[in-house]
């Protein structure tokens, strides 16, 4: 039951976002989010990405790090996956991509 409520809320949120999407440009982290999802799918090829959260960006002297948390369902086992993408903000060259599995 709780899962059904969660799915309905996700769908409603998607409808609201879709209605506003025509007037908004993609967020600056969008391409990094795509890389985060691609990384998760490469690491867990049979898994479904249930949810996605952009945690934020950390600016360092010579690089920036975009941080994401994905909720993954890998054949009935659900877990969080933290993904950090470090890149050079001058040319968007990826320096490092790290993943960390979480319990919640």
PDB file of N, CA and C in Angstrom:
ATOM      1  N   UNK A   1       0.822  -1.193   0.000  1.00  0.00           N
ATOM      2  CA  UNK A   1       0.000   0.000   0.000  1.00  0.00           C
ATOM      3  C   UNK A   1       0.865   1.257   0.000  1.00  0.00           C
ATOM      4  N   UNK A   2       1.885   1.286   0.853  1.00  0.00           N
ATOM      5  CA  UNK A   2       2.747   2.465   0.946  1.00  0.00           C
ATOM      6  C   UNK A   2       3.481   2.699  -0.368  1.00  0.00           C
ATOM      7  N   UNK A   3       3.874   1.599  -1.027  1.00  0.00           N
ATOM      8  CA  UNK A   3       4.570   1.721  -2.301  1.00  0.00           C
ATOM      9  C   UNK A   3       3.649   2.349  -3.351  1.00  0.00           C
ATOM     10  N   UNK A   4       2.352   1.965  -3.328  1.00  0.00           N
ATOM     11  CA  UNK A   4       1.394   2.529  -4.279  1.00  0.00           C
ATOM     12  C   UNK A   4       1.206   4.019  -4.055  1.00  0.00           C
ATOM     13  N   UNK A   5       1.162   4.442  -2.808  1.00  0.00           N
ATOM     14  CA  UNK A   5       1.034   5.865  -2.493  1.00  0.00           C
ATOM     15  C   UNK A   5       2.266   6.606  -2.999  1.00  0.00           C
ATOM     16  N   UNK A   6       3.437   6.029  -2.794  1.00  0.00           N
ATOM     17  CA  UNK A   6       4.686   6.644  -3.239  1.00  0.00           C
ATOM     18  C   UNK A   6       4.691   6.808  -4.765  1.00  0.00           C
ATOM     19  N   UNK A   7       4.276   5.755  -5.481  1.00  0.00           N
ATOM     20  CA  UNK A   7       4.235   5.810  -6.940  1.00  0.00           C
ATOM     21  C   UNK A   7       3.251   6.875  -7.409  1.00  0.00           C
ATOM     22  N   UNK A   8       2.094   6.967  -6.757  1.00  0.00           N
ATOM     23  CA  UNK A   8       1.105   7.989  -7.120  1.00  0.00           C
ATOM     24  C   UNK A   8       1.657   9.392  -6.891  1.00  0.00           C
ATOM     25  N   UNK A   9       2.349   9.593  -5.785  1.00  0.00           N
ATOM     26  CA  UNK A   9       2.943  10.904  -5.521  1.00  0.00           C
ATOM     27  C   UNK A   9       4.010  11.241  -6.552  1.00  0.00           C
ATOM     28  N   UNK A  10       4.807  10.241  -6.946  1.00  0.00           N
ATOM     29  CA  UNK A  10       5.819  10.470  -7.974  1.00  0.00           C
ATOM     30  C   UNK A  10       5.157  10.873  -9.289  1.00  0.00           C
ATOM     31  N   UNK A  11       4.064  10.184  -9.635  1.00  0.00           N
ATOM     32  CA  UNK A  11       3.362  10.493 -10.875  1.00  0.00           C
ATOM     33  C   UNK A  11       2.769  11.892 -10.825  1.00  0.00           C
ATOM     34  N   UNK A  12       2.170  12.255  -9.709  1.00  0.00           N
ATOM     35  CA  UNK A  12       1.596  13.588  -9.555  1.00  0.00           C
ATOM     36  C   UNK A  12       2.687  14.638  -9.646  1.00  0.00           C
ATOM     37  N   UNK A  13       3.811  14.399  -8.997  1.00  0.00           N
ATOM     38  CA  UNK A  13       4.931  15.325  -9.072  1.00  0.00           C
ATOM     39  C   UNK A  13       5.425  15.476 -10.493  1.00  0.00           C
ATOM     40  N   UNK A  14       5.446  14.372 -11.238  1.00  0.00           N
ATOM     41  CA  UNK A  14       5.861  14.420 -12.638  1.00  0.00           C
ATOM     42  C   UNK A  14       4.916  15.230 -13.489  1.00  0.00           C
ATOM     43  N   UNK A  15       3.613  15.116 -13.207  1.00  0.00           N
ATOM     44  CA  UNK A  15       2.627  15.903 -13.959  1.00  0.00           C
ATOM     45  C   UNK A  15       2.798  17.387 -13.690  1.00  0.00           C
ATOM     46  N   UNK A  16       3.020  17.734 -12.437  1.00  0.00           N
ATOM     47  CA  UNK A  16       3.211  19.143 -12.087  1.00  0.00           C
ATOM     48  C   UNK A  16       4.478  19.660 -12.738  1.00  0.00           C
ATOM     49  N   UNK A  17       5.556  18.872 -12.678  1.00  0.00           N
ATOM     50  CA  UNK A  17       6.806  19.284 -13.308  1.00  0.00           C
ATOM     51  C   UNK A  17       6.641  19.410 -14.817  1.00  0.00           C
ATOM     52  N   UNK A  18       5.885  18.494 -15.432  1.00  0.00           N
ATOM     53  CA  UNK A  18       5.680  18.545 -16.875  1.00  0.00           C
ATOM     54  C   UNK A  18       4.924  19.796 -17.275  1.00  0.00           C
ATOM     55  N   UNK A  19       3.953  20.196 -16.469  1.00  0.00           N
ATOM     56  CA  UNK A  19       3.177  21.385 -16.767  1.00  0.00           C
ATOM     57  C   UNK A  19       4.057  22.634 -16.734  1.00  0.00           C
ATOM     58  N   UNK A  20       5.028  22.651 -15.852  1.00  0.00           N
ATOM     59  CA  UNK A  20       5.920  23.806 -15.730  1.00  0.00           C
ATOM     60  C   UNK A  20       7.140  23.697 -16.638  1.00  0.00           C
ATOM     61  N   UNK A  21       7.387  22.527 -17.201  1.00  0.00           N
ATOM     62  CA  UNK A  21       8.606  22.300 -17.973  1.00  0.00           C
ATOM     63  C   UNK A  21       8.656  23.127 -19.249  1.00  0.00           C
ATOM     64  N   UNK A  22       7.517  23.429 -19.828  1.00  0.00           N
ATOM     65  CA  UNK A  22       7.505  24.185 -21.075  1.00  0.00           C
ATOM     66  C   UNK A  22       8.089  25.579 -20.881  1.00  0.00           C
ATOM     67  N   UNK A  23       7.998  26.119 -19.679  1.00  0.00           N
ATOM     68  CA  UNK A  23       8.477  27.468 -19.411  1.00  0.00           C
ATOM     69  C   UNK A  23       9.862  27.511 -18.786  1.00  0.00           C
ATOM     70  N   UNK A  24      10.423  26.362 -18.467  1.00  0.00           N
ATOM     71  CA  UNK A  24      11.695  26.337 -17.734  1.00  0.00           C
ATOM     72  C   UNK A  24      12.781  25.693 -18.586  1.00  0.00           C
ATOM     73  N   UNK A  25      14.010  26.190 -18.423  1.00  0.00           N
ATOM     74  CA  UNK A  25      15.148  25.544 -19.071  1.00  0.00           C
ATOM     75  C   UNK A  25      15.667  24.450 -18.141  1.00  0.00           C
ATOM     76  N   UNK A  26      16.385  23.476 -18.691  1.00  0.00           N
ATOM     77  CA  UNK A  26      16.893  22.397 -17.833  1.00  0.00           C
ATOM     78  C   UNK A  26      17.850  22.949 -16.780  1.00  0.00           C
ATOM     79  N   UNK A  27      17.868  22.342 -15.605  1.00  0.00           N
ATOM     80  CA  UNK A  27      18.803  22.805 -14.563  1.00  0.00           C
ATOM     81  C   UNK A  27      20.246  22.551 -14.999  1.00  0.00           C
ATOM     82  N   UNK A  28      21.158  23.295 -14.403  1.00  0.00           N
ATOM     83  CA  UNK A  28      22.574  23.204 -14.777  1.00  0.00           C
ATOM     84  C   UNK A  28      23.164  21.818 -14.514  1.00  0.00           C
ATOM     85  N   UNK A  29      22.568  21.062 -13.617  1.00  0.00           N
ATOM     86  CA  UNK A  29      23.095  19.743 -13.273  1.00  0.00           C
ATOM     87  C   UNK A  29      22.485  18.621 -14.119  1.00  0.00           C
ATOM     88  N   UNK A  30      21.617  18.949 -15.067  1.00  0.00           N
ATOM     89  CA  UNK A  30      20.875  17.927 -15.817  1.00  0.00           C
ATOM     90  C   UNK A  30      21.798  16.919 -16.509  1.00  0.00           C
ATOM     91  N   UNK A  31      22.831  17.391 -17.200  1.00  0.00           N
ATOM     92  CA  UNK A  31      23.703  16.448 -17.902  1.00  0.00           C
ATOM     93  C   UNK A  31      24.472  15.562 -16.927  1.00  0.00           C
ATOM     94  N   UNK A  32      24.780  16.105 -15.738  1.00  0.00           N
ATOM     95  CA  UNK A  32      25.476  15.294 -14.735  1.00  0.00           C
ATOM     96  C   UNK A  32      24.516  14.264 -14.147  1.00  0.00           C
ATOM     97  N   UNK A  33      23.249  14.612 -14.040  1.00  0.00           N
ATOM     98  CA  UNK A  33      22.238  13.652 -13.585  1.00  0.00           C
ATOM     99  C   UNK A  33      22.096  12.495 -14.555  1.00  0.00           C
ATOM    100  N   UNK A  34      22.174  12.801 -15.853  1.00  0.00           N
ATOM    101  CA  UNK A  34      22.119  11.738 -16.861  1.00  0.00           C
ATOM    102  C   UNK A  34      23.315  10.797 -16.713  1.00  0.00           C
ATOM    103  N   UNK A  35      24.482  11.379 -16.443  1.00  0.00           N
ATOM    104  CA  UNK A  35      25.671  10.552 -16.228  1.00  0.00           C
ATOM    105  C   UNK A  35      25.537   9.718 -14.957  1.00  0.00           C
ATOM    106  N   UNK A  36      24.919  10.273 -13.922  1.00  0.00           N
ATOM    107  CA  UNK A  36      24.708   9.525 -12.677  1.00  0.00           C
ATOM    108  C   UNK A  36      23.807   8.321 -12.932  1.00  0.00           C
ATOM    109  N   UNK A  37      22.726   8.521 -13.680  1.00  0.00           N
ATOM    110  CA  UNK A  37      21.808   7.417 -13.996  1.00  0.00           C
ATOM    111  C   UNK A  37      22.526   6.378 -14.854  1.00  0.00           C
ATOM    112  N   UNK A  38      23.278   6.823 -15.848  1.00  0.00           N
ATOM    113  CA  UNK A  38      24.034   5.900 -16.704  1.00  0.00           C
ATOM    114  C   UNK A  38      25.027   5.083 -15.876  1.00  0.00           C
ATOM    115  N   UNK A  39      25.702   5.737 -14.936  1.00  0.00           N
ATOM    116  CA  UNK A  39      26.657   5.048 -14.060  1.00  0.00           C
ATOM    117  C   UNK A  39      25.956   3.981 -13.238  1.00  0.00           C
ATOM    118  N   UNK A  40      24.791   4.317 -12.678  1.00  0.00           N
ATOM    119  CA  UNK A  40      24.032   3.351 -11.871  1.00  0.00           C
ATOM    120  C   UNK A  40      23.610   2.158 -12.722  1.00  0.00           C
ATOM    121  N   UNK A  41      23.170   2.412 -13.950  1.00  0.00           N
ATOM    122  CA  UNK A  41      22.725   1.322 -14.826  1.00  0.00           C
ATOM    123  C   UNK A  41      23.887   0.437 -15.255  1.00  0.00           C
ATOM    124  N   UNK A  42      25.068   1.031 -15.408  1.00  0.00           N
ATOM    125  CA  UNK A  42      26.250   0.221 -15.746  1.00  0.00           C
ATOM    126  C   UNK A  42      26.655  -0.658 -14.568  1.00  0.00           C
ATOM    127  N   UNK A  43      26.564  -0.105 -13.369  1.00  0.00           N
ATOM    128  CA  UNK A  43      26.965  -0.844 -12.166  1.00  0.00           C
ATOM    129  C   UNK A  43      25.935  -1.921 -11.797  1.00  0.00           C
ATOM    130  N   UNK A  44      24.647  -1.606 -12.013  1.00  0.00           N
ATOM    131  CA  UNK A  44      23.553  -2.531 -11.686  1.00  0.00           C
ATOM    132  C   UNK A  44      22.657  -2.661 -12.917  1.00  0.00           C
ATOM    133  N   UNK A  45      23.084  -3.449 -13.917  1.00  0.00           N
ATOM    134  CA  UNK A  45      22.379  -3.489 -15.207  1.00  0.00           C
ATOM    135  C   UNK A  45      20.942  -4.008 -15.151  1.00  0.00           C
ATOM    136  N   UNK A  46      20.605  -4.815 -14.191  1.00  0.00           N
ATOM    137  CA  UNK A  46      19.237  -5.357 -14.106  1.00  0.00           C
ATOM    138  C   UNK A  46      18.325  -4.510 -13.217  1.00  0.00           C
ATOM    139  N   UNK A  47      18.865  -3.475 -12.641  1.00  0.00           N
ATOM    140  CA  UNK A  47      18.123  -2.672 -11.663  1.00  0.00           C
ATOM    141  C   UNK A  47      17.246  -1.617 -12.344  1.00  0.00           C
ATOM    142  N   UNK A  48      16.233  -1.180 -11.608  1.00  0.00           N
ATOM    143  CA  UNK A  48      15.391  -0.052 -12.000  1.00  0.00           C
ATOM    144  C   UNK A  48      15.722   1.124 -11.102  1.00  0.00           C
ATOM    145  N   UNK A  49      15.802   2.301 -11.685  1.00  0.00           N
ATOM    146  CA  UNK A  49      15.999   3.516 -10.907  1.00  0.00           C
ATOM    147  C   UNK A  49      14.613   3.973 -10.462  1.00  0.00           C
ATOM    148  N   UNK A  50      14.362   3.928  -9.158  1.00  0.00           N
ATOM    149  CA  UNK A  50      13.049   4.243  -8.605  1.00  0.00           C
ATOM    150  C   UNK A  50      12.885   5.742  -8.390  1.00  0.00           C
ATOM    151  N   UNK A  51      13.940   6.391  -7.930  1.00  0.00           N
ATOM    152  CA  UNK A  51      13.858   7.824  -7.636  1.00  0.00           C
ATOM    153  C   UNK A  51      15.244   8.434  -7.787  1.00  0.00           C
ATOM    154  N   UNK A  52      15.259   9.782  -7.830  1.00  0.00           N
ATOM    155  CA  UNK A  52      16.482  10.506  -8.143  1.00  0.00           C
ATOM    156  C   UNK A  52      16.455  11.828  -7.390  1.00  0.00           C
ATOM    157  N   UNK A  53      17.573  12.176  -6.786  1.00  0.00           N
ATOM    158  CA  UNK A  53      17.648  13.438  -6.047  1.00  0.00           C
ATOM    159  C   UNK A  53      18.990  14.103  -6.321  1.00  0.00           C
ATOM    160  N   UNK A  54      18.947  15.371  -6.702  1.00  0.00           N
ATOM    161  CA  UNK A  54      20.186  16.148  -6.821  1.00  0.00           C
ATOM    162  C   UNK A  54      20.459  16.721  -5.440  1.00  0.00           C
ATOM    163  N   UNK A  55      21.542  16.308  -4.821  1.00  0.00           N
ATOM    164  CA  UNK A  55      21.871  16.755  -3.465  1.00  0.00           C
ATOM    165  C   UNK A  55      22.459  18.154  -3.494  1.00  0.00           C
ATOM    166  N   UNK A  56      23.320  18.418  -4.472  1.00  0.00           N
ATOM    167  CA  UNK A  56      23.926  19.737  -4.559  1.00  0.00           C
ATOM    168  C   UNK A  56      25.261  19.692  -5.258  1.00  0.00           C
ATOM    169  N   UNK A  57      25.870  20.871  -5.306  1.00  0.00           N
ATOM    170  CA  UNK A  57      27.163  21.023  -5.973  1.00  0.00           C
ATOM    171  C   UNK A  57      28.176  21.578  -4.988  1.00  0.00           C
ATOM    172  N   UNK A  58      29.367  21.027  -5.036  1.00  0.00           N
ATOM    173  CA  UNK A  58      30.471  21.516  -4.211  1.00  0.00           C
ATOM    174  C   UNK A  58      31.538  22.073  -5.146  1.00  0.00           C
ATOM    175  N   UNK A  59      31.857  23.346  -4.975  1.00  0.00           N
ATOM    176  CA  UNK A  59      32.902  23.963  -5.787  1.00  0.00           C
ATOM    177  C   UNK A  59      34.224  23.926  -5.029  1.00  0.00           C
ATOM    178  N   UNK A  60      35.251  23.405  -5.694  1.00  0.00           N
ATOM    179  CA  UNK A  60      36.597  23.330  -5.146  1.00  0.00           C
ATOM    180  C   UNK A  60      37.475  24.270  -5.967  1.00  0.00           C
ATOM    181  N   UNK A  61      38.715  24.512  -5.550  1.00  0.00           N
ATOM    182  CA  UNK A  61      39.564  25.454  -6.299  1.00  0.00           C
ATOM    183  C   UNK A  61      39.750  25.103  -7.785  1.00  0.00           C
ATOM    184  N   UNK A  62      39.933  23.816  -8.093  1.00  0.00           N
ATOM    185  CA  UNK A  62      40.202  23.424  -9.482  1.00  0.00           C
ATOM    186  C   UNK A  62      39.168  22.473 -10.074  1.00  0.00           C
ATOM    187  N   UNK A  63      38.091  22.214  -9.349  1.00  0.00           N
ATOM    188  CA  UNK A  63      37.068  21.300  -9.835  1.00  0.00           C
ATOM    189  C   UNK A  63      35.751  21.569  -9.120  1.00  0.00           C
ATOM    190  N   UNK A  64      34.716  20.919  -9.608  1.00  0.00           N
ATOM    191  CA  UNK A  64      33.404  20.958  -8.959  1.00  0.00           C
ATOM    192  C   UNK A  64      32.899  19.524  -8.841  1.00  0.00           C
ATOM    193  N   UNK A  65      32.033  19.300  -7.855  1.00  0.00           N
ATOM    194  CA  UNK A  65      31.461  17.971  -7.649  1.00  0.00           C
ATOM    195  C   UNK A  65      29.943  18.106  -7.598  1.00  0.00           C
ATOM    196  N   UNK A  66      29.256  17.393  -8.498  1.00  0.00           N
ATOM    197  CA  UNK A  66      27.796  17.298  -8.444  1.00  0.00           C
ATOM    198  C   UNK A  66      27.470  16.016  -7.692  1.00  0.00           C
ATOM    199  N   UNK A  67      26.531  16.123  -6.743  1.00  0.00           N
ATOM    200  CA  UNK A  67      26.195  14.985  -5.884  1.00  0.00           C
ATOM    201  C   UNK A  67      24.737  14.594  -6.092  1.00  0.00           C
ATOM    202  N   UNK A  68      24.512  13.274  -6.229  1.00  0.00           N
ATOM    203  CA  UNK A  68      23.176  12.738  -6.468  1.00  0.00           C
ATOM    204  C   UNK A  68      22.932  11.543  -5.557  1.00  0.00           C
ATOM    205  N   UNK A  69      21.651  11.315  -5.255  1.00  0.00           N
ATOM    206  CA  UNK A  69      21.248  10.077  -4.582  1.00  0.00           C
ATOM    207  C   UNK A  69      20.160   9.452  -5.429  1.00  0.00           C
ATOM    208  N   UNK A  70      20.391   8.211  -5.816  1.00  0.00           N
ATOM    209  CA  UNK A  70      19.418   7.453  -6.574  1.00  0.00           C
ATOM    210  C   UNK A  70      18.881   6.345  -5.690  1.00  0.00           C
ATOM    211  N   UNK A  71      17.588   6.063  -5.827  1.00  0.00           N
ATOM    212  CA  UNK A  71      16.981   4.931  -5.133  1.00  0.00           C
ATOM    213  C   UNK A  71      16.841   3.831  -6.167  1.00  0.00           C
ATOM    214  N   UNK A  72      17.436   2.675  -5.881  1.00  0.00           N
ATOM    215  CA  UNK A  72      17.571   1.595  -6.851  1.00  0.00           C
ATOM    216  C   UNK A  72      16.833   0.360  -6.364  1.00  0.00           C
ATOM    217  N   UNK A  73      16.128  -0.304  -7.285  1.00  0.00           N
ATOM    218  CA  UNK A  73      15.503  -1.599  -7.006  1.00  0.00           C
ATOM    219  C   UNK A  73      16.194  -2.622  -7.898  1.00  0.00           C
ATOM    220  N   UNK A  74      17.038  -3.437  -7.282  1.00  0.00           N
ATOM    221  CA  UNK A  74      17.787  -4.448  -8.008  1.00  0.00           C
ATOM    222  C   UNK A  74      17.194  -5.816  -7.698  1.00  0.00           C
ATOM    223  N   UNK A  75      16.263  -6.227  -8.528  1.00  0.00           N
ATOM    224  CA  UNK A  75      15.584  -7.520  -8.394  1.00  0.00           C
ATOM    225  C   UNK A  75      14.986  -7.709  -7.003  1.00  0.00           C
ATOM    226  N   UNK A  76      14.260  -6.703  -6.532  1.00  0.00           N
ATOM    227  CA  UNK A  76      13.573  -6.776  -5.250  1.00  0.00           C
ATOM    228  C   UNK A  76      14.370  -6.264  -4.066  1.00  0.00           C
ATOM    229  N   UNK A  77      15.638  -5.990  -4.258  1.00  0.00           N
ATOM    230  CA  UNK A  77      16.458  -5.415  -3.189  1.00  0.00           C
ATOM    231  C   UNK A  77      16.586  -3.921  -3.446  1.00  0.00           C
ATOM    232  N   UNK A  78      16.025  -3.122  -2.541  1.00  0.00           N
ATOM    233  CA  UNK A  78      16.059  -1.674  -2.695  1.00  0.00           C
ATOM    234  C   UNK A  78      17.158  -1.065  -1.830  1.00  0.00           C
ATOM    235  N   UNK A  79      17.850  -0.078  -2.399  1.00  0.00           N
ATOM    236  CA  UNK A  79      18.919   0.597  -1.678  1.00  0.00           C
ATOM    237  C   UNK A  79      19.177   1.958  -2.317  1.00  0.00           C
ATOM    238  N   UNK A  80      19.845   2.802  -1.559  1.00  0.00           N
ATOM    239  CA  UNK A  80      20.259   4.090  -2.075  1.00  0.00           C
ATOM    240  C   UNK A  80      21.636   3.982  -2.696  1.00  0.00           C
ATOM    241  N   UNK A  81      21.895   4.835  -3.671  1.00  0.00           N
ATOM    242  CA  UNK A  81      23.193   4.860  -4.324  1.00  0.00           C
ATOM    243  C   UNK A  81      23.623   6.316  -4.437  1.00  0.00           C
ATOM    244  N   UNK A  82      24.662   6.669  -3.673  1.00  0.00           N
ATOM    245  CA  UNK A  82      25.212   8.024  -3.756  1.00  0.00           C
ATOM    246  C   UNK A  82      26.212   8.061  -4.904  1.00  0.00           C
ATOM    247  N   UNK A  83      26.075   9.058  -5.757  1.00  0.00           N
ATOM    248  CA  UNK A  83      26.984   9.206  -6.890  1.00  0.00           C
ATOM    249  C   UNK A  83      27.536  10.615  -6.873  1.00  0.00           C
ATOM    250  N   UNK A  84      28.851  10.713  -6.932  1.00  0.00           N
ATOM    251  CA  UNK A  84      29.517  12.012  -6.980  1.00  0.00           C
ATOM    252  C   UNK A  84      30.312  12.088  -8.281  1.00  0.00           C
ATOM    253  N   UNK A  85      30.098  13.172  -9.014  1.00  0.00           N
ATOM    254  CA  UNK A  85      30.780  13.367 -10.280  1.00  0.00           C
ATOM    255  C   UNK A  85      31.661  14.601 -10.146  1.00  0.00           C
ATOM    256  N   UNK A  86      32.966  14.382 -10.157  1.00  0.00           N
ATOM    257  CA  UNK A  86      33.916  15.491 -10.083  1.00  0.00           C
ATOM    258  C   UNK A  86      34.333  15.850 -11.502  1.00  0.00           C
ATOM    259  N   UNK A  87      34.328  17.144 -11.817  1.00  0.00           N
ATOM    260  CA  UNK A  87      34.641  17.584 -13.174  1.00  0.00           C
ATOM    261  C   UNK A  87      35.327  18.941 -13.144  1.00  0.00           C
ATOM    262  N   UNK A  88      35.970  19.270 -14.254  1.00  0.00           N
ATOM    263  CA  UNK A  88      36.613  20.564 -14.431  1.00  0.00           C
ATOM    264  C   UNK A  88      35.557  21.524 -14.987  1.00  0.00           C
ATOM    265  N   UNK A  89      35.177  22.556 -14.243  1.00  0.00           N
ATOM    266  CA  UNK A  89      34.109  23.446 -14.697  1.00  0.00           C
ATOM    267  C   UNK A  89      34.496  24.290 -15.922  1.00  0.00           C
ATOM    268  N   UNK A  90      35.779  24.353 -16.237  1.00  0.00           N
ATOM    269  CA  UNK A  90      36.206  25.130 -17.415  1.00  0.00           C
ATOM    270  C   UNK A  90      35.823  24.449 -18.716  1.00  0.00           C
ATOM    271  N   UNK A  91      35.939  23.109 -18.743  1.00  0.00           N
ATOM    272  CA  UNK A  91      35.657  22.384 -19.988  1.00  0.00           C
ATOM    273  C   UNK A  91      34.737  21.173 -19.789  1.00  0.00           C
ATOM    274  N   UNK A  92      34.192  21.006 -18.586  1.00  0.00           N
ATOM    275  CA  UNK A  92      33.291  19.896 -18.244  1.00  0.00           C
ATOM    276  C   UNK A  92      33.940  18.515 -18.389  1.00  0.00           C
ATOM    277  N   UNK A  93      35.245  18.456 -18.346  1.00  0.00           N
ATOM    278  CA  UNK A  93      35.953  17.179 -18.402  1.00  0.00           C
ATOM    279  C   UNK A  93      35.745  16.436 -17.089  1.00  0.00           C
ATOM    280  N   UNK A  94      35.281  15.197 -17.172  1.00  0.00           N
ATOM    281  CA  UNK A  94      35.051  14.384 -15.978  1.00  0.00           C
ATOM    282  C   UNK A  94      36.388  13.947 -15.409  1.00  0.00           C
ATOM    283  N   UNK A  95      36.564  14.186 -14.119  1.00  0.00           N
ATOM    284  CA  UNK A  95      37.796  13.806 -13.423  1.00  0.00           C
ATOM    285  C   UNK A  95      37.609  12.470 -12.713  1.00  0.00           C
ATOM    286  N   UNK A  96      36.455  12.322 -12.043  1.00  0.00           N
ATOM    287  CA  UNK A  96      36.210  11.104 -11.285  1.00  0.00           C
ATOM    288  C   UNK A  96      34.707  10.929 -11.066  1.00  0.00           C
ATOM    289  N   UNK A  97      34.269   9.677 -11.087  1.00  0.00           N
ATOM    290  CA  UNK A  97      32.887   9.335 -10.740  1.00  0.00           C
ATOM    291  C   UNK A  97      32.966   8.276  -9.649  1.00  0.00           C
ATOM    292  N   UNK A  98      32.356   8.566  -8.493  1.00  0.00           N
ATOM    293  CA  UNK A  98      32.375   7.594  -7.401  1.00  0.00           C
ATOM    294  C   UNK A  98      30.955   7.214  -7.022  1.00  0.00           C
ATOM    295  N   UNK A  99      30.805   5.977  -6.568  1.00  0.00           N
ATOM    296  CA  UNK A  99      29.498   5.487  -6.121  1.00  0.00           C
ATOM    297  C   UNK A  99      29.649   4.893  -4.721  1.00  0.00           C
ATOM    298  N   UNK A 100      28.580   5.008  -3.959  1.00  0.00           N
ATOM    299  CA  UNK A 100      28.553   4.406  -2.622  1.00  0.00           C
ATOM    300  C   UNK A 100      27.139   3.921  -2.348  1.00  0.00           C
ATOM    301  N   UNK A 101      27.009   2.651  -2.087  1.00  0.00           N
ATOM    302  CA  UNK A 101      25.719   2.053  -1.764  1.00  0.00           C
ATOM    303  C   UNK A 101      25.344   2.404  -0.340  1.00  0.00           C
ATOM    304  N   UNK A 102      24.066   2.770  -0.116  1.00  0.00           N
ATOM    305  CA  UNK A 102      23.595   3.105   1.229  1.00  0.00           C
ATOM    306  C   UNK A 102      22.406   2.234   1.596  1.00  0.00           C
ATOM    307  N   UNK A 103      22.147   2.145   2.879  1.00  0.00           N
ATOM    308  CA  UNK A 103      21.015   1.355   3.356  1.00  0.00           C
ATOM    309  C   UNK A 103      19.708   2.113   3.196  1.00  0.00           C
ATOM    310  N   UNK A 104      19.730   3.427   3.445  1.00  0.00           N
ATOM    311  CA  UNK A 104      18.494   4.199   3.318  1.00  0.00           C
ATOM    312  C   UNK A 104      18.728   5.486   2.595  1.00  0.00           C
TER     313      UNK A 104
END
